[in-house]
């Protein structure tokens, strides 16, 4: 009978440590950015949105409910990945890019959401005082209830409290647990071993 040789499986993922041997300078985000002027960046984004097919894709994102902040994040993140601008610079131009996206959405009659909360989520001071007084009253009532429970438990136990579970037991109780009677002496360990 002839033996067949099995093929060794080849890994399909990256080799461990491959990132240490690759030339990291080839990545666009590791080189100096192409654009470092705000006006140039806004002009680039305006041309990119209005003249490319990706602009229509961004508008369809807005049409299905993605917020302007989400679309702006997509545009800026792709610019960082392509080496167009740095992360810090993307934060600086986020406002004007969001404005460009809203202008384009208005031109296509697309209803959009900005994606940021404009309503303040705070309580007026009168409401805070009421809540604080309610919490104080609840905590006082809870303290009184706990004290009543402790007093009731103390009355039920009586004055003969032996100190709880971890307190040392009485000597007679210990001897009884070990099987010694009160008049027997404790066996000598050396005699039992022989």
N, C-alpha and C. Protein backbone atom coordinates (compact mmCIF):
# COMPACT_ATOMS: atom_id res chain seq x y z
N UNK A 1 0.83 -1.16 0.00
CA UNK A 1 0.00 0.00 0.00
C UNK A 1 0.89 1.24 0.00
N UNK A 2 0.60 2.14 -0.89
CA UNK A 2 1.40 3.36 -1.02
C UNK A 2 0.87 4.42 -0.06
N UNK A 3 1.80 5.07 0.59
CA UNK A 3 1.42 6.14 1.53
C UNK A 3 1.32 7.45 0.77
N UNK A 4 0.26 8.16 1.04
CA UNK A 4 0.10 9.46 0.40
C UNK A 4 0.62 10.54 1.34
N UNK A 5 1.25 11.48 0.73
CA UNK A 5 1.82 12.58 1.51
C UNK A 5 0.78 13.68 1.66
N UNK A 6 0.58 14.11 2.88
CA UNK A 6 -0.40 15.17 3.14
C UNK A 6 0.25 16.52 2.93
N UNK A 7 -0.52 17.44 2.42
CA UNK A 7 -0.03 18.80 2.25
C UNK A 7 -0.11 19.52 3.58
N UNK A 8 0.90 20.28 3.87
CA UNK A 8 0.86 21.08 5.09
C UNK A 8 0.04 22.33 4.81
N UNK A 9 -0.84 22.68 5.74
CA UNK A 9 -1.68 23.86 5.50
C UNK A 9 -0.84 25.13 5.54
N UNK A 10 -1.16 26.04 4.67
CA UNK A 10 -0.46 27.33 4.66
C UNK A 10 -1.33 28.35 5.37
N UNK A 11 -0.71 29.18 6.21
CA UNK A 11 -1.52 30.18 6.92
C UNK A 11 -2.05 31.24 5.97
N UNK A 12 -3.27 31.69 6.24
CA UNK A 12 -3.88 32.68 5.37
C UNK A 12 -3.79 34.08 5.95
N UNK A 13 -3.46 34.19 7.22
CA UNK A 13 -3.37 35.50 7.86
C UNK A 13 -1.96 36.03 7.82
N UNK A 14 -1.72 37.17 8.43
CA UNK A 14 -0.38 37.72 8.46
C UNK A 14 0.53 36.87 9.36
N UNK A 15 1.78 36.87 9.04
CA UNK A 15 2.76 36.14 9.83
C UNK A 15 3.03 36.93 11.10
N UNK A 16 3.17 36.23 12.21
CA UNK A 16 3.41 36.91 13.48
C UNK A 16 4.72 37.71 13.41
N UNK A 17 4.67 38.98 13.76
CA UNK A 17 5.84 39.84 13.74
C UNK A 17 6.11 40.48 12.40
N UNK A 18 5.23 40.26 11.43
CA UNK A 18 5.43 40.81 10.10
C UNK A 18 5.44 42.33 10.13
N UNK A 19 4.68 42.90 11.05
CA UNK A 19 4.63 44.36 11.12
C UNK A 19 5.96 44.96 11.54
N UNK A 20 6.83 44.16 12.19
CA UNK A 20 8.14 44.68 12.59
C UNK A 20 9.13 44.69 11.43
N UNK A 21 8.87 43.88 10.42
CA UNK A 21 9.80 43.82 9.29
C UNK A 21 9.36 44.67 8.11
N UNK A 22 8.09 45.09 8.10
CA UNK A 22 7.63 45.89 6.97
C UNK A 22 8.10 47.34 7.13
N UNK A 23 8.18 48.02 6.03
CA UNK A 23 8.62 49.40 6.04
C UNK A 23 7.42 50.29 6.36
N UNK A 24 7.35 50.78 7.59
CA UNK A 24 6.20 51.56 8.03
C UNK A 24 6.12 52.92 7.35
N UNK A 25 7.18 53.35 6.71
CA UNK A 25 7.16 54.65 6.04
C UNK A 25 6.31 54.62 4.78
N UNK A 26 5.89 53.44 4.37
CA UNK A 26 5.06 53.34 3.18
C UNK A 26 3.61 53.73 3.45
N UNK A 27 3.22 53.75 4.71
CA UNK A 27 1.85 54.11 5.03
C UNK A 27 1.67 55.61 4.89
N UNK A 28 0.58 56.05 4.27
CA UNK A 28 0.40 57.48 4.04
C UNK A 28 0.30 58.30 5.33
N UNK A 29 -0.27 57.71 6.38
CA UNK A 29 -0.45 58.46 7.62
C UNK A 29 0.83 58.56 8.43
N UNK A 30 1.91 57.91 7.98
CA UNK A 30 3.19 58.02 8.66
C UNK A 30 4.10 59.06 8.01
N UNK A 31 3.68 59.60 6.91
CA UNK A 31 4.45 60.64 6.22
C UNK A 31 3.84 62.00 6.53
N UNK A 32 4.53 63.06 6.24
CA UNK A 32 3.92 64.39 6.44
C UNK A 32 2.66 64.53 5.59
N UNK A 33 1.64 65.23 6.10
CA UNK A 33 0.38 65.33 5.35
C UNK A 33 0.53 66.15 4.08
N UNK A 34 -0.33 65.85 3.11
CA UNK A 34 -0.31 66.57 1.84
C UNK A 34 -0.85 67.99 2.00
N UNK A 35 -1.84 68.16 2.86
CA UNK A 35 -2.50 69.46 3.02
C UNK A 35 -2.31 69.94 4.46
N UNK A 36 -1.82 71.15 4.63
CA UNK A 36 -1.67 71.71 5.97
C UNK A 36 -2.27 73.11 6.06
N UNK A 37 -2.98 73.54 5.03
CA UNK A 37 -3.62 74.85 5.01
C UNK A 37 -5.13 74.63 5.05
N UNK A 38 -5.82 75.37 5.90
CA UNK A 38 -7.26 75.18 6.07
C UNK A 38 -8.01 75.47 4.77
N UNK A 39 -7.64 76.53 4.08
CA UNK A 39 -8.34 76.88 2.84
C UNK A 39 -8.17 75.79 1.79
N UNK A 40 -6.94 75.26 1.68
CA UNK A 40 -6.70 74.17 0.72
C UNK A 40 -7.51 72.93 1.09
N UNK A 41 -7.60 72.65 2.38
CA UNK A 41 -8.35 71.47 2.82
C UNK A 41 -9.83 71.60 2.52
N UNK A 42 -10.40 72.78 2.77
CA UNK A 42 -11.82 72.99 2.51
C UNK A 42 -12.10 72.91 1.01
N UNK A 43 -11.19 73.48 0.22
CA UNK A 43 -11.36 73.41 -1.24
C UNK A 43 -11.27 71.96 -1.72
N UNK A 44 -10.35 71.19 -1.16
CA UNK A 44 -10.21 69.79 -1.53
C UNK A 44 -11.49 69.01 -1.19
N UNK A 45 -12.03 69.23 0.01
CA UNK A 45 -13.24 68.52 0.43
C UNK A 45 -14.43 68.94 -0.43
N UNK A 46 -14.54 70.23 -0.73
CA UNK A 46 -15.65 70.71 -1.56
C UNK A 46 -15.60 70.07 -2.94
N UNK A 47 -14.41 70.01 -3.55
CA UNK A 47 -14.28 69.36 -4.85
C UNK A 47 -14.56 67.86 -4.75
N UNK A 48 -14.09 67.25 -3.70
CA UNK A 48 -14.27 65.81 -3.50
C UNK A 48 -15.75 65.46 -3.36
N UNK A 49 -16.47 66.26 -2.59
CA UNK A 49 -17.90 65.99 -2.36
C UNK A 49 -18.73 66.27 -3.61
N UNK A 50 -18.43 67.37 -4.28
CA UNK A 50 -19.30 67.78 -5.39
C UNK A 50 -18.96 67.12 -6.71
N UNK A 51 -17.73 66.73 -6.94
CA UNK A 51 -17.34 66.22 -8.25
C UNK A 51 -17.12 64.72 -8.32
N UNK A 52 -17.12 64.04 -7.20
CA UNK A 52 -16.87 62.59 -7.24
C UNK A 52 -18.16 61.82 -6.93
N UNK A 53 -18.13 60.54 -7.24
CA UNK A 53 -19.28 59.70 -6.93
C UNK A 53 -19.45 59.50 -5.43
N UNK A 54 -18.39 59.68 -4.68
CA UNK A 54 -18.50 59.52 -3.23
C UNK A 54 -19.41 60.58 -2.62
N UNK A 55 -19.49 61.75 -3.24
CA UNK A 55 -20.40 62.78 -2.75
C UNK A 55 -21.84 62.31 -2.77
N UNK A 56 -22.24 61.60 -3.83
CA UNK A 56 -23.58 61.05 -3.91
C UNK A 56 -23.78 59.96 -2.84
N UNK A 57 -22.72 59.22 -2.59
CA UNK A 57 -22.80 58.18 -1.57
C UNK A 57 -23.02 58.82 -0.19
N UNK A 58 -22.34 59.91 0.09
CA UNK A 58 -22.53 60.60 1.36
C UNK A 58 -23.96 61.12 1.48
N UNK A 59 -24.50 61.61 0.39
CA UNK A 59 -25.89 62.10 0.43
C UNK A 59 -26.88 60.96 0.66
N UNK A 60 -26.59 59.79 0.10
CA UNK A 60 -27.48 58.65 0.35
C UNK A 60 -27.37 58.20 1.81
N UNK A 61 -26.18 58.35 2.41
CA UNK A 61 -26.05 58.06 3.84
C UNK A 61 -26.95 58.99 4.65
N UNK A 62 -26.93 60.27 4.29
CA UNK A 62 -27.79 61.23 4.99
C UNK A 62 -29.26 60.90 4.78
N UNK A 63 -29.60 60.45 3.58
CA UNK A 63 -30.98 60.13 3.25
C UNK A 63 -31.52 58.97 4.07
N UNK A 64 -30.67 58.02 4.46
CA UNK A 64 -31.13 56.87 5.23
C UNK A 64 -31.01 57.08 6.73
N UNK A 65 -30.55 58.26 7.15
CA UNK A 65 -30.57 58.56 8.58
C UNK A 65 -29.22 58.73 9.26
N UNK A 66 -28.14 58.60 8.52
CA UNK A 66 -26.83 58.86 9.12
C UNK A 66 -26.72 60.36 9.37
N UNK A 67 -26.18 60.73 10.51
CA UNK A 67 -26.11 62.15 10.86
C UNK A 67 -25.00 62.85 10.09
N UNK A 68 -25.07 64.17 10.09
CA UNK A 68 -24.03 64.98 9.45
C UNK A 68 -22.70 64.75 10.16
N UNK A 69 -22.74 64.60 11.48
CA UNK A 69 -21.50 64.32 12.22
C UNK A 69 -20.88 63.00 11.78
N UNK A 70 -21.71 61.99 11.51
CA UNK A 70 -21.19 60.70 11.04
C UNK A 70 -20.56 60.79 9.66
N UNK A 71 -21.22 61.51 8.76
CA UNK A 71 -20.67 61.67 7.40
C UNK A 71 -19.38 62.48 7.45
N UNK A 72 -19.36 63.52 8.26
CA UNK A 72 -18.15 64.33 8.41
C UNK A 72 -17.01 63.48 8.94
N UNK A 73 -17.32 62.63 9.90
CA UNK A 73 -16.30 61.73 10.44
C UNK A 73 -15.77 60.80 9.37
N UNK A 74 -16.64 60.29 8.50
CA UNK A 74 -16.19 59.43 7.40
C UNK A 74 -15.22 60.17 6.48
N UNK A 75 -15.59 61.37 6.09
CA UNK A 75 -14.76 62.15 5.17
C UNK A 75 -13.39 62.44 5.78
N UNK A 76 -13.39 62.86 7.03
CA UNK A 76 -12.13 63.22 7.68
C UNK A 76 -11.26 62.01 7.95
N UNK A 77 -11.86 60.91 8.33
CA UNK A 77 -11.08 59.70 8.60
C UNK A 77 -10.45 59.15 7.31
N UNK A 78 -11.19 59.20 6.22
CA UNK A 78 -10.61 58.77 4.95
C UNK A 78 -9.47 59.68 4.52
N UNK A 79 -9.59 60.98 4.81
CA UNK A 79 -8.50 61.91 4.51
C UNK A 79 -7.26 61.61 5.32
N UNK A 80 -7.46 61.22 6.58
CA UNK A 80 -6.31 60.84 7.43
C UNK A 80 -5.66 59.58 6.88
N UNK A 81 -6.47 58.59 6.51
CA UNK A 81 -5.94 57.32 6.00
C UNK A 81 -5.20 57.51 4.68
N UNK A 82 -5.66 58.47 3.87
CA UNK A 82 -5.00 58.73 2.59
C UNK A 82 -3.79 59.65 2.73
N UNK A 83 -3.55 60.16 3.92
CA UNK A 83 -2.40 61.03 4.15
C UNK A 83 -2.65 62.47 3.72
N UNK A 84 -3.91 62.86 3.56
CA UNK A 84 -4.21 64.23 3.14
C UNK A 84 -3.96 65.22 4.27
N UNK A 85 -4.33 64.86 5.51
CA UNK A 85 -4.13 65.74 6.66
C UNK A 85 -3.91 64.89 7.90
N UNK A 86 -3.45 65.56 8.94
CA UNK A 86 -3.18 64.86 10.20
C UNK A 86 -4.46 64.79 11.04
N UNK A 87 -4.39 64.04 12.11
CA UNK A 87 -5.55 63.89 12.98
C UNK A 87 -5.93 65.23 13.61
N UNK A 88 -4.95 65.97 14.08
CA UNK A 88 -5.22 67.27 14.70
C UNK A 88 -5.84 68.24 13.70
N UNK A 89 -5.33 68.21 12.50
CA UNK A 89 -5.84 69.09 11.46
C UNK A 89 -7.28 68.72 11.10
N UNK A 90 -7.58 67.41 11.13
CA UNK A 90 -8.95 66.96 10.85
C UNK A 90 -9.92 67.51 11.88
N UNK A 91 -9.49 67.58 13.12
CA UNK A 91 -10.36 68.15 14.16
C UNK A 91 -10.61 69.62 13.89
N UNK A 92 -9.57 70.33 13.40
CA UNK A 92 -9.72 71.76 13.11
C UNK A 92 -10.70 72.03 11.96
N UNK A 93 -10.72 71.17 10.98
CA UNK A 93 -11.57 71.43 9.82
C UNK A 93 -12.92 70.70 9.89
N UNK A 94 -13.21 70.06 11.00
CA UNK A 94 -14.46 69.31 11.13
C UNK A 94 -15.69 70.21 10.99
N UNK A 95 -15.65 71.40 11.59
CA UNK A 95 -16.79 72.31 11.51
C UNK A 95 -17.09 72.76 10.09
N UNK A 96 -16.08 73.29 9.36
CA UNK A 96 -16.34 73.69 7.97
C UNK A 96 -16.77 72.53 7.06
N UNK A 97 -16.21 71.35 7.30
CA UNK A 97 -16.61 70.19 6.48
C UNK A 97 -18.07 69.83 6.76
N UNK A 98 -18.47 69.87 8.02
CA UNK A 98 -19.87 69.60 8.36
C UNK A 98 -20.79 70.63 7.70
N UNK A 99 -20.34 71.87 7.65
CA UNK A 99 -21.14 72.92 6.99
C UNK A 99 -21.27 72.64 5.49
N UNK A 100 -20.19 72.18 4.86
CA UNK A 100 -20.26 71.82 3.43
C UNK A 100 -21.26 70.69 3.20
N UNK A 101 -21.26 69.71 4.10
CA UNK A 101 -22.17 68.58 3.96
C UNK A 101 -23.62 69.05 4.09
N UNK A 102 -23.89 69.96 5.03
CA UNK A 102 -25.26 70.45 5.19
C UNK A 102 -25.71 71.28 3.98
N UNK A 103 -24.79 72.07 3.42
CA UNK A 103 -25.12 72.87 2.22
C UNK A 103 -25.47 71.94 1.06
N UNK A 104 -24.68 70.89 0.91
CA UNK A 104 -24.95 69.96 -0.19
C UNK A 104 -26.27 69.20 0.05
N UNK A 105 -26.55 68.84 1.32
CA UNK A 105 -27.81 68.15 1.64
C UNK A 105 -29.01 69.05 1.36
N UNK A 106 -28.88 70.34 1.67
CA UNK A 106 -29.97 71.28 1.39
C UNK A 106 -30.19 71.43 -0.11
N UNK A 107 -29.11 71.40 -0.88
CA UNK A 107 -29.26 71.54 -2.33
C UNK A 107 -29.98 70.34 -2.95
N UNK A 108 -29.89 69.16 -2.30
CA UNK A 108 -30.59 67.98 -2.78
C UNK A 108 -31.92 67.76 -2.05
N UNK A 109 -32.33 68.69 -1.21
CA UNK A 109 -33.57 68.60 -0.43
C UNK A 109 -33.61 67.34 0.43
N UNK A 110 -32.53 67.07 1.10
CA UNK A 110 -32.43 65.91 1.98
C UNK A 110 -32.60 66.40 3.42
N UNK A 111 -33.53 65.76 4.15
CA UNK A 111 -33.68 66.08 5.56
C UNK A 111 -32.56 65.37 6.31
N UNK A 112 -31.92 66.08 7.22
CA UNK A 112 -30.77 65.52 7.91
C UNK A 112 -30.83 65.89 9.38
N UNK A 113 -30.07 65.14 10.16
CA UNK A 113 -29.87 65.46 11.57
C UNK A 113 -28.40 65.77 11.77
N UNK A 114 -28.13 66.69 12.66
CA UNK A 114 -26.73 67.06 12.89
C UNK A 114 -25.97 65.99 13.67
N UNK A 115 -26.67 65.25 14.51
CA UNK A 115 -26.00 64.19 15.26
C UNK A 115 -25.41 64.64 16.57
N UNK A 116 -25.77 65.83 16.98
CA UNK A 116 -25.32 66.33 18.28
C UNK A 116 -26.54 66.78 19.05
N UNK A 117 -26.52 66.58 20.36
CA UNK A 117 -27.65 66.99 21.19
C UNK A 117 -27.56 68.49 21.44
N UNK A 118 -28.64 69.19 21.13
CA UNK A 118 -28.65 70.63 21.37
C UNK A 118 -29.43 70.98 22.62
N UNK A 119 -30.21 70.03 23.16
CA UNK A 119 -30.96 70.32 24.37
C UNK A 119 -30.09 70.01 25.58
N UNK A 120 -30.12 70.90 26.52
CA UNK A 120 -29.34 70.70 27.72
C UNK A 120 -30.06 69.72 28.64
N UNK A 121 -29.32 68.80 29.20
CA UNK A 121 -29.88 67.81 30.08
C UNK A 121 -29.51 68.15 31.52
N UNK A 122 -30.17 69.17 32.07
CA UNK A 122 -29.86 69.56 33.44
C UNK A 122 -31.14 69.81 34.20
N UNK A 123 -31.03 69.77 35.53
CA UNK A 123 -32.18 70.02 36.39
C UNK A 123 -32.09 71.43 36.95
N UNK A 124 -33.21 72.11 37.03
CA UNK A 124 -33.18 73.42 37.68
C UNK A 124 -32.85 73.26 39.16
N UNK A 125 -32.37 74.33 39.77
CA UNK A 125 -31.92 74.25 41.15
C UNK A 125 -33.06 73.89 42.11
N UNK A 126 -34.28 74.33 41.82
CA UNK A 126 -35.40 73.99 42.70
C UNK A 126 -35.65 72.48 42.69
N UNK A 127 -35.58 71.88 41.52
CA UNK A 127 -35.77 70.43 41.42
C UNK A 127 -34.65 69.68 42.13
N UNK A 128 -33.41 70.18 42.01
CA UNK A 128 -32.29 69.54 42.71
C UNK A 128 -32.49 69.59 44.22
N UNK A 129 -32.98 70.73 44.73
CA UNK A 129 -33.22 70.85 46.17
C UNK A 129 -34.27 69.84 46.62
N UNK A 130 -35.34 69.70 45.84
CA UNK A 130 -36.39 68.75 46.19
C UNK A 130 -35.83 67.32 46.19
N UNK A 131 -35.07 66.98 45.15
CA UNK A 131 -34.48 65.64 45.07
C UNK A 131 -33.52 65.39 46.23
N UNK A 132 -32.70 66.40 46.57
CA UNK A 132 -31.73 66.25 47.65
C UNK A 132 -32.44 66.07 48.98
N UNK A 133 -33.52 66.83 49.21
CA UNK A 133 -34.29 66.69 50.45
C UNK A 133 -34.93 65.32 50.53
N UNK A 134 -35.41 64.79 49.39
CA UNK A 134 -36.02 63.47 49.37
C UNK A 134 -34.98 62.40 49.70
N UNK A 135 -33.79 62.54 49.17
CA UNK A 135 -32.72 61.57 49.44
C UNK A 135 -32.33 61.63 50.91
N UNK A 136 -32.22 62.86 51.45
CA UNK A 136 -31.88 63.00 52.87
C UNK A 136 -32.95 62.36 53.74
N UNK A 137 -34.22 62.60 53.41
CA UNK A 137 -35.32 62.03 54.19
C UNK A 137 -35.30 60.51 54.09
N UNK A 138 -35.05 59.98 52.90
CA UNK A 138 -34.98 58.54 52.72
C UNK A 138 -33.84 57.94 53.53
N UNK A 139 -32.69 58.61 53.53
CA UNK A 139 -31.55 58.08 54.27
C UNK A 139 -31.79 58.15 55.77
N UNK A 140 -32.45 59.20 56.25
CA UNK A 140 -32.79 59.29 57.67
C UNK A 140 -33.76 58.19 58.05
N UNK A 141 -34.77 57.96 57.20
CA UNK A 141 -35.74 56.90 57.47
C UNK A 141 -35.06 55.54 57.47
N UNK A 142 -34.12 55.35 56.57
CA UNK A 142 -33.40 54.09 56.49
C UNK A 142 -32.55 53.89 57.75
N UNK A 143 -31.91 54.94 58.22
CA UNK A 143 -31.11 54.84 59.44
C UNK A 143 -31.98 54.47 60.63
N UNK A 144 -33.16 55.09 60.71
CA UNK A 144 -34.07 54.78 61.81
C UNK A 144 -34.54 53.33 61.73
N UNK A 145 -34.86 52.85 60.54
CA UNK A 145 -35.29 51.46 60.37
C UNK A 145 -34.19 50.50 60.77
N UNK A 146 -32.97 50.80 60.37
CA UNK A 146 -31.84 49.92 60.71
C UNK A 146 -31.61 49.91 62.22
N UNK A 147 -31.75 51.04 62.87
CA UNK A 147 -31.57 51.11 64.32
C UNK A 147 -32.65 50.31 65.03
N UNK A 148 -33.90 50.40 64.52
CA UNK A 148 -34.99 49.63 65.11
C UNK A 148 -34.75 48.13 64.98
N UNK A 149 -34.27 47.70 63.83
CA UNK A 149 -33.98 46.28 63.62
C UNK A 149 -32.86 45.84 64.56
N UNK A 150 -31.83 46.67 64.70
CA UNK A 150 -30.72 46.32 65.60
C UNK A 150 -31.20 46.24 67.04
N UNK A 151 -32.06 47.17 67.46
CA UNK A 151 -32.58 47.15 68.83
C UNK A 151 -33.43 45.92 69.07
N UNK A 152 -34.27 45.56 68.10
CA UNK A 152 -35.12 44.38 68.24
C UNK A 152 -34.27 43.12 68.33
N UNK A 153 -33.25 43.02 67.51
CA UNK A 153 -32.37 41.85 67.54
C UNK A 153 -31.63 41.76 68.87
N UNK A 154 -31.21 42.89 69.39
CA UNK A 154 -30.50 42.89 70.66
C UNK A 154 -31.41 42.45 71.80
N UNK A 155 -32.67 42.88 71.77
CA UNK A 155 -33.62 42.48 72.79
C UNK A 155 -33.90 40.99 72.71
N UNK A 156 -34.01 40.44 71.50
CA UNK A 156 -34.29 39.02 71.33
C UNK A 156 -33.12 38.17 71.79
N UNK A 157 -31.91 38.60 71.56
CA UNK A 157 -30.74 37.84 71.97
C UNK A 157 -30.53 37.91 73.47
N UNK A 158 -30.96 38.99 74.06
CA UNK A 158 -30.78 39.15 75.49
C UNK A 158 -29.38 39.66 75.78
N UNK A 159 -29.08 39.63 77.05
CA UNK A 159 -27.78 40.17 77.48
C UNK A 159 -26.67 39.15 77.35
N UNK A 160 -27.00 37.85 77.15
CA UNK A 160 -25.97 36.81 77.10
C UNK A 160 -25.47 36.65 75.66
N UNK A 161 -24.84 37.64 75.17
CA UNK A 161 -24.25 37.57 73.83
C UNK A 161 -22.83 37.07 73.98
N UNK A 162 -22.51 35.96 73.35
CA UNK A 162 -21.19 35.36 73.49
C UNK A 162 -20.19 35.91 72.50
N UNK A 163 -20.54 36.89 71.73
CA UNK A 163 -19.57 37.52 70.87
C UNK A 163 -19.67 37.15 69.41
N UNK A 164 -20.59 36.32 69.02
CA UNK A 164 -20.77 36.03 67.62
C UNK A 164 -20.10 34.74 67.18
N UNK A 165 -20.09 34.53 65.89
CA UNK A 165 -19.62 33.29 65.31
C UNK A 165 -18.12 33.09 65.46
N UNK A 166 -17.36 34.13 65.35
CA UNK A 166 -15.91 34.01 65.37
C UNK A 166 -15.30 34.17 66.77
N UNK A 167 -16.11 34.34 67.79
CA UNK A 167 -15.57 34.52 69.13
C UNK A 167 -15.11 33.17 69.67
N UNK A 168 -14.16 33.19 70.60
CA UNK A 168 -13.70 31.91 71.15
C UNK A 168 -14.81 31.26 71.98
N UNK A 169 -14.99 29.97 71.81
CA UNK A 169 -16.04 29.25 72.53
C UNK A 169 -15.59 29.00 73.97
N UNK A 170 -16.54 28.68 74.81
CA UNK A 170 -16.20 28.35 76.19
C UNK A 170 -15.40 27.06 76.22
N UNK A 171 -14.59 26.89 77.25
CA UNK A 171 -13.72 25.72 77.32
C UNK A 171 -14.52 24.43 77.41
N UNK A 172 -15.63 24.44 78.17
CA UNK A 172 -16.46 23.24 78.27
C UNK A 172 -17.06 22.88 76.91
N UNK A 173 -17.49 23.88 76.16
CA UNK A 173 -18.06 23.62 74.82
C UNK A 173 -17.00 23.04 73.90
N UNK A 174 -15.78 23.57 73.97
CA UNK A 174 -14.70 23.05 73.13
C UNK A 174 -14.41 21.60 73.48
N UNK A 175 -14.33 21.30 74.76
CA UNK A 175 -14.05 19.92 75.18
C UNK A 175 -15.17 18.99 74.74
N UNK A 176 -16.43 19.47 74.83
CA UNK A 176 -17.55 18.64 74.41
C UNK A 176 -17.49 18.38 72.92
N UNK A 177 -17.12 19.37 72.16
CA UNK A 177 -17.01 19.19 70.71
C UNK A 177 -15.91 18.20 70.36
N UNK A 178 -14.84 18.19 71.15
CA UNK A 178 -13.72 17.30 70.88
C UNK A 178 -13.95 15.89 71.44
N UNK A 179 -15.00 15.72 72.23
CA UNK A 179 -15.31 14.40 72.76
C UNK A 179 -14.73 14.14 74.12
N UNK A 180 -14.26 15.14 74.79
CA UNK A 180 -13.72 14.97 76.13
C UNK A 180 -14.83 15.20 77.13
N UNK A 181 -14.85 14.39 78.16
CA UNK A 181 -15.81 14.67 79.23
C UNK A 181 -15.14 15.64 80.20
N UNK A 182 -15.90 16.21 81.06
CA UNK A 182 -15.38 17.24 81.95
C UNK A 182 -14.36 16.71 82.94
N UNK A 183 -14.45 15.42 83.38
CA UNK A 183 -13.52 14.90 84.39
C UNK A 183 -12.34 14.17 83.76
N UNK A 184 -12.38 13.85 82.47
CA UNK A 184 -11.25 13.18 81.81
C UNK A 184 -10.17 14.19 81.50
N UNK A 185 -8.96 13.67 81.53
CA UNK A 185 -7.83 14.52 81.14
C UNK A 185 -7.67 14.40 79.63
N UNK A 186 -7.05 15.41 79.09
CA UNK A 186 -6.78 15.35 77.66
C UNK A 186 -5.71 14.29 77.43
N UNK A 187 -5.85 13.47 76.39
CA UNK A 187 -4.85 12.42 76.17
C UNK A 187 -3.51 13.02 75.78
N UNK A 188 -2.48 12.32 76.20
CA UNK A 188 -1.14 12.77 75.89
C UNK A 188 -0.82 12.33 74.47
N UNK A 189 -0.42 13.23 73.65
CA UNK A 189 -0.19 12.95 72.23
C UNK A 189 0.97 11.99 72.05
N UNK A 190 1.98 12.07 72.90
CA UNK A 190 3.14 11.19 72.72
C UNK A 190 2.78 9.74 73.01
N UNK A 191 1.89 9.50 74.02
CA UNK A 191 1.51 8.13 74.36
C UNK A 191 0.68 7.52 73.24
N UNK A 192 -0.19 8.30 72.59
CA UNK A 192 -1.04 7.75 71.55
C UNK A 192 -0.24 7.37 70.31
N UNK A 193 0.82 8.05 70.02
CA UNK A 193 1.59 7.77 68.81
C UNK A 193 2.37 6.48 68.92
N UNK A 194 2.69 6.01 70.09
CA UNK A 194 3.52 4.82 70.27
C UNK A 194 2.72 3.58 70.07
